Each structure stands twice: as structure tokens, then as C-alpha cells.
Protein backbone atom coordinates (compact mmCIF):
# COMPACT_ATOMS: atom_id res chain seq x y z
CA MET A 1 -13.12 8.30 22.47
CA CYS A 2 -9.38 8.97 21.97
CA PHE A 3 -8.40 8.61 25.65
CA ASP A 4 -9.79 5.02 26.00
CA PRO A 5 -6.70 2.83 25.85
CA VAL A 6 -8.55 -0.52 25.72
CA ASN A 7 -10.75 0.09 22.86
CA ASN A 8 -9.15 2.86 21.06
CA PRO A 9 -10.80 3.85 17.64
CA CYS A 10 -8.04 6.48 17.05
CA THR A 11 -5.10 4.22 17.14
CA THR A 12 -7.14 1.54 15.14
CA GLY A 13 -7.96 4.30 12.56
CA ILE A 14 -4.23 5.38 12.15
CA ILE A 15 -3.00 1.76 12.03
CA PHE A 16 -5.79 0.95 9.49
CA ALA A 17 -4.81 3.98 7.37
CA LEU A 18 -1.08 3.00 7.41
CA THR A 19 -1.77 -0.46 6.32
CA THR A 20 -4.10 0.56 3.60
CA SER A 21 -1.55 3.15 2.37
CA SER A 22 1.30 0.77 2.43
CA VAL A 23 -0.56 -1.99 0.71
CA PHE A 24 -1.50 0.65 -2.05
CA ALA A 25 2.00 1.62 -2.39
CA ILE A 26 3.20 -1.99 -2.72
CA VAL A 27 0.49 -2.47 -5.43
CA VAL A 28 1.56 0.68 -7.25
CA ILE A 29 5.28 -0.36 -7.07
CA LEU A 30 4.35 -3.94 -8.43
CA GLY A 31 2.24 -2.37 -11.21
CA LYS A 32 5.33 -0.23 -12.31
CA LEU A 33 7.69 -3.10 -12.42
CA LEU A 34 5.29 -5.23 -14.37
CA LEU A 35 4.84 -2.35 -16.92
CA ALA A 36 8.58 -2.07 -17.04
CA ALA A 37 9.14 -5.71 -17.61
CA ILE A 38 6.44 -5.84 -20.44
CA PHE A 39 8.18 -2.86 -22.14
CA VAL A 40 11.60 -4.41 -21.93
CA ILE A 41 10.10 -7.76 -23.27
CA GLN A 42 8.45 -5.71 -26.32
CA ILE A 43 11.99 -3.96 -26.98
CA LYS A 44 13.79 -7.28 -27.06
CA LYS A 45 11.44 -8.97 -29.61
């Protein structure tokens, strides 16, 4: 399976894992920024 360069499930799996983890990381960072912004707004009131 892994040695088939044309239809390679291993590379696809690695690329898929990398994209999902990076998307997840971006979502987590955005969530933290959003929470920080809400926190700052609450303090300023």
C-alpha cells in the first residue's frame, strides 16, 4: 500500500492528519483570542 506512488494512502493520511491538526490549532487560537477580547471588554466596562 505505502509503496504505490500514484495512489498512496499513507501520504494522503499524513497530509490529512497535518491539515486537520493545523485547522484545530487555528480554531483553538481564535477561541483563546475571542475569550481574551471578551475578558478585556468586561474589565473596561
